[in-house]
Structure formats: structure tokens, C-alpha cells
């Protein structure tokens, strides 16, 4: 086993997220989890 981790970007629906988790994707990123924010909004919230 290579012990690789996989990232899926551009996930826009919970159905996509469920499918990707089912097929072994380890990390998900996309609009379904959070909308894009400006740098100022990012700094204010994090």
C-alpha cells in the first residue's frame, strides 16, 4: 500500500461529498462547505 491521501476540490453538493467519501477520497473542498471570502473577511473570522 502506498498510503496516499486524496483531495477532491470543487465539491458543490452533499451528494457529491457522500459519493467521494464512499470511493475513498480523504479530504473534500468546495462551495458546499463554505463560500469564497475576501482576505479581509478571512482575517476577521479566523
PDB file of N, CA and C in Angstrom:
ATOM      1  N   UNK A   1       0.838  -1.183   0.000  1.00  0.00           N
ATOM      2  CA  UNK A   1       0.000   0.000   0.000  1.00  0.00           C
ATOM      3  C   UNK A   1       0.882   1.245   0.000  1.00  0.00           C
ATOM      4  N   UNK A   2       0.498   2.230  -0.784  1.00  0.00           N
ATOM      5  CA  UNK A   2       1.263   3.471  -0.881  1.00  0.00           C
ATOM      6  C   UNK A   2       0.895   4.487   0.184  1.00  0.00           C
ATOM      7  N   UNK A   3      -0.201   4.271   0.881  1.00  0.00           N
ATOM      8  CA  UNK A   3      -0.658   5.178   1.937  1.00  0.00           C
ATOM      9  C   UNK A   3      -0.845   6.610   1.426  1.00  0.00           C
ATOM     10  N   UNK A   4      -1.410   6.742   0.234  1.00  0.00           N
ATOM     11  CA  UNK A   4      -1.670   8.053  -0.345  1.00  0.00           C
ATOM     12  C   UNK A   4      -2.966   8.626   0.208  1.00  0.00           C
ATOM     13  N   UNK A   5      -3.026   9.937   0.306  1.00  0.00           N
ATOM     14  CA  UNK A   5      -4.239  10.652   0.692  1.00  0.00           C
ATOM     15  C   UNK A   5      -4.698  11.450  -0.523  1.00  0.00           C
ATOM     16  N   UNK A   6      -6.009  11.531  -0.726  1.00  0.00           N
ATOM     17  CA  UNK A   6      -6.552  12.206  -1.893  1.00  0.00           C
ATOM     18  C   UNK A   6      -7.439  13.370  -1.494  1.00  0.00           C
ATOM     19  N   UNK A   7      -7.390  14.437  -2.314  1.00  0.00           N
ATOM     20  CA  UNK A   7      -8.183  15.646  -2.099  1.00  0.00           C
ATOM     21  C   UNK A   7      -9.078  15.857  -3.316  1.00  0.00           C
ATOM     22  N   UNK A   8     -10.357  16.128  -3.064  1.00  0.00           N
ATOM     23  CA  UNK A   8     -11.284  16.492  -4.141  1.00  0.00           C
ATOM     24  C   UNK A   8     -11.650  17.958  -3.961  1.00  0.00           C
ATOM     25  N   UNK A   9     -11.461  18.736  -5.009  1.00  0.00           N
ATOM     26  CA  UNK A   9     -11.804  20.158  -4.980  1.00  0.00           C
ATOM     27  C   UNK A   9     -13.029  20.404  -5.852  1.00  0.00           C
ATOM     28  N   UNK A  10     -13.759  21.461  -5.543  1.00  0.00           N
ATOM     29  CA  UNK A  10     -14.919  21.827  -6.347  1.00  0.00           C
ATOM     30  C   UNK A  10     -16.176  21.061  -5.995  1.00  0.00           C
ATOM     31  N   UNK A  11     -16.255  20.539  -4.774  1.00  0.00           N
ATOM     32  CA  UNK A  11     -17.439  19.797  -4.346  1.00  0.00           C
ATOM     33  C   UNK A  11     -18.572  20.797  -4.108  1.00  0.00           C
ATOM     34  N   UNK A  12     -19.681  20.614  -4.818  1.00  0.00           N
ATOM     35  CA  UNK A  12     -20.770  21.592  -4.757  1.00  0.00           C
ATOM     36  C   UNK A  12     -22.063  21.055  -4.162  1.00  0.00           C
ATOM     37  N   UNK A  13     -22.172  19.740  -3.959  1.00  0.00           N
ATOM     38  CA  UNK A  13     -23.394  19.181  -3.372  1.00  0.00           C
ATOM     39  C   UNK A  13     -23.027  18.136  -2.324  1.00  0.00           C
ATOM     40  N   UNK A  14     -23.965  17.903  -1.399  1.00  0.00           N
ATOM     41  CA  UNK A  14     -23.738  16.863  -0.398  1.00  0.00           C
ATOM     42  C   UNK A  14     -23.740  15.480  -1.043  1.00  0.00           C
ATOM     43  N   UNK A  15     -24.467  15.318  -2.129  1.00  0.00           N
ATOM     44  CA  UNK A  15     -24.459  14.046  -2.847  1.00  0.00           C
ATOM     45  C   UNK A  15     -23.066  13.754  -3.396  1.00  0.00           C
ATOM     46  N   UNK A  16     -22.421  14.776  -3.959  1.00  0.00           N
ATOM     47  CA  UNK A  16     -21.048  14.606  -4.439  1.00  0.00           C
ATOM     48  C   UNK A  16     -20.126  14.247  -3.280  1.00  0.00           C
ATOM     49  N   UNK A  17     -20.277  14.941  -2.163  1.00  0.00           N
ATOM     50  CA  UNK A  17     -19.429  14.685  -0.995  1.00  0.00           C
ATOM     51  C   UNK A  17     -19.600  13.249  -0.513  1.00  0.00           C
ATOM     52  N   UNK A  18     -20.831  12.784  -0.415  1.00  0.00           N
ATOM     53  CA  UNK A  18     -21.083  11.409   0.023  1.00  0.00           C
ATOM     54  C   UNK A  18     -20.443  10.405  -0.919  1.00  0.00           C
ATOM     55  N   UNK A  19     -20.604  10.621  -2.228  1.00  0.00           N
ATOM     56  CA  UNK A  19     -20.013   9.706  -3.207  1.00  0.00           C
ATOM     57  C   UNK A  19     -18.492   9.687  -3.085  1.00  0.00           C
ATOM     58  N   UNK A  20     -17.892  10.859  -3.005  1.00  0.00           N
ATOM     59  CA  UNK A  20     -16.434  10.932  -2.939  1.00  0.00           C
ATOM     60  C   UNK A  20     -15.894  10.258  -1.681  1.00  0.00           C
ATOM     61  N   UNK A  21     -16.574  10.423  -0.559  1.00  0.00           N
ATOM     62  CA  UNK A  21     -16.162   9.725   0.666  1.00  0.00           C
ATOM     63  C   UNK A  21     -16.296   8.215   0.491  1.00  0.00           C
ATOM     64  N   UNK A  22     -17.369   7.784  -0.169  1.00  0.00           N
ATOM     65  CA  UNK A  22     -17.594   6.354  -0.384  1.00  0.00           C
ATOM     66  C   UNK A  22     -16.514   5.711  -1.245  1.00  0.00           C
ATOM     67  N   UNK A  23     -15.943   6.473  -2.185  1.00  0.00           N
ATOM     68  CA  UNK A  23     -14.916   5.908  -3.063  1.00  0.00           C
ATOM     69  C   UNK A  23     -13.502   6.139  -2.542  1.00  0.00           C
ATOM     70  N   UNK A  24     -13.392   6.655  -1.309  1.00  0.00           N
ATOM     71  CA  UNK A  24     -12.087   6.715  -0.672  1.00  0.00           C
ATOM     72  C   UNK A  24     -11.355   8.038  -0.715  1.00  0.00           C
ATOM     73  N   UNK A  25     -12.032   9.109  -1.073  1.00  0.00           N
ATOM     74  CA  UNK A  25     -11.385  10.417  -1.045  1.00  0.00           C
ATOM     75  C   UNK A  25     -11.297  10.870   0.411  1.00  0.00           C
ATOM     76  N   UNK A  26     -10.130  11.320   0.823  1.00  0.00           N
ATOM     77  CA  UNK A  26      -9.887  11.645   2.231  1.00  0.00           C
ATOM     78  C   UNK A  26     -10.264  13.071   2.617  1.00  0.00           C
ATOM     79  N   UNK A  27     -10.054  14.008   1.716  1.00  0.00           N
ATOM     80  CA  UNK A  27     -10.304  15.418   2.020  1.00  0.00           C
ATOM     81  C   UNK A  27     -11.159  16.026   0.919  1.00  0.00           C
ATOM     82  N   UNK A  28     -12.117  16.852   1.321  1.00  0.00           N
ATOM     83  CA  UNK A  28     -13.019  17.487   0.366  1.00  0.00           C
ATOM     84  C   UNK A  28     -12.980  18.994   0.562  1.00  0.00           C
ATOM     85  N   UNK A  29     -13.078  19.701  -0.555  1.00  0.00           N
ATOM     86  CA  UNK A  29     -13.084  21.157  -0.514  1.00  0.00           C
ATOM     87  C   UNK A  29     -14.075  21.647  -1.553  1.00  0.00           C
ATOM     88  N   UNK A  30     -14.812  22.685  -1.221  1.00  0.00           N
ATOM     89  CA  UNK A  30     -15.720  23.232  -2.208  1.00  0.00           C
ATOM     90  C   UNK A  30     -16.796  24.104  -1.605  1.00  0.00           C
ATOM     91  N   UNK A  31     -17.623  24.629  -2.483  1.00  0.00           N
ATOM     92  CA  UNK A  31     -18.657  25.590  -2.109  1.00  0.00           C
ATOM     93  C   UNK A  31     -19.644  25.009  -1.105  1.00  0.00           C
ATOM     94  N   UNK A  32     -19.875  23.705  -1.147  1.00  0.00           N
ATOM     95  CA  UNK A  32     -20.821  23.086  -0.214  1.00  0.00           C
ATOM     96  C   UNK A  32     -20.368  23.254   1.237  1.00  0.00           C
ATOM     97  N   UNK A  33     -19.086  23.424   1.465  1.00  0.00           N
ATOM     98  CA  UNK A  33     -18.554  23.571   2.819  1.00  0.00           C
ATOM     99  C   UNK A  33     -18.348  25.026   3.215  1.00  0.00           C
ATOM    100  N   UNK A  34     -18.205  25.895   2.251  1.00  0.00           N
ATOM    101  CA  UNK A  34     -18.013  27.311   2.540  1.00  0.00           C
ATOM    102  C   UNK A  34     -17.804  28.090   1.260  1.00  0.00           C
ATOM    103  N   UNK A  35     -18.407  29.260   1.226  1.00  0.00           N
ATOM    104  CA  UNK A  35     -18.279  30.093   0.034  1.00  0.00           C
ATOM    105  C   UNK A  35     -16.920  30.806   0.047  1.00  0.00           C
ATOM    106  N   UNK A  36     -16.447  31.247  -1.102  1.00  0.00           N
ATOM    107  CA  UNK A  36     -15.210  32.019  -1.141  1.00  0.00           C
ATOM    108  C   UNK A  36     -15.374  33.328  -0.364  1.00  0.00           C
ATOM    109  N   UNK A  37     -14.316  33.760   0.297  1.00  0.00           N
ATOM    110  CA  UNK A  37     -14.357  35.010   1.059  1.00  0.00           C
ATOM    111  C   UNK A  37     -13.153  35.872   0.689  1.00  0.00           C
ATOM    112  N   UNK A  38     -13.297  37.164   0.906  1.00  0.00           N
ATOM    113  CA  UNK A  38     -12.179  38.083   0.664  1.00  0.00           C
ATOM    114  C   UNK A  38     -11.135  37.887   1.759  1.00  0.00           C
ATOM    115  N   UNK A  39      -9.938  38.381   1.524  1.00  0.00           N
ATOM    116  CA  UNK A  39      -8.873  38.264   2.518  1.00  0.00           C
ATOM    117  C   UNK A  39      -9.259  38.979   3.807  1.00  0.00           C
ATOM    118  N   UNK A  40      -9.930  40.122   3.695  1.00  0.00           N
ATOM    119  CA  UNK A  40     -10.346  40.854   4.892  1.00  0.00           C
ATOM    120  C   UNK A  40     -11.358  40.056   5.709  1.00  0.00           C
ATOM    121  N   UNK A  41     -12.320  39.435   5.040  1.00  0.00           N
ATOM    122  CA  UNK A  41     -13.307  38.618   5.748  1.00  0.00           C
ATOM    123  C   UNK A  41     -12.640  37.403   6.394  1.00  0.00           C
ATOM    124  N   UNK A  42     -11.680  36.832   5.713  1.00  0.00           N
ATOM    125  CA  UNK A  42     -10.942  35.697   6.272  1.00  0.00           C
ATOM    126  C   UNK A  42     -10.219  36.107   7.550  1.00  0.00           C
ATOM    127  N   UNK A  43      -9.527  37.229   7.502  1.00  0.00           N
ATOM    128  CA  UNK A  43      -8.783  37.710   8.669  1.00  0.00           C
ATOM    129  C   UNK A  43      -9.728  37.996   9.833  1.00  0.00           C
ATOM    130  N   UNK A  44     -10.882  38.583   9.546  1.00  0.00           N
ATOM    131  CA  UNK A  44     -11.855  38.891  10.601  1.00  0.00           C
ATOM    132  C   UNK A  44     -12.393  37.638  11.284  1.00  0.00           C
ATOM    133  N   UNK A  45     -12.567  36.574  10.523  1.00  0.00           N
ATOM    134  CA  UNK A  45     -13.202  35.367  11.057  1.00  0.00           C
ATOM    135  C   UNK A  45     -12.233  34.310  11.566  1.00  0.00           C
ATOM    136  N   UNK A  46     -10.980  34.389  11.158  1.00  0.00           N
ATOM    137  CA  UNK A  46     -10.030  33.366  11.572  1.00  0.00           C
ATOM    138  C   UNK A  46      -8.846  34.035  12.197  1.00  0.00           C
TER     139      UNK A  46
END
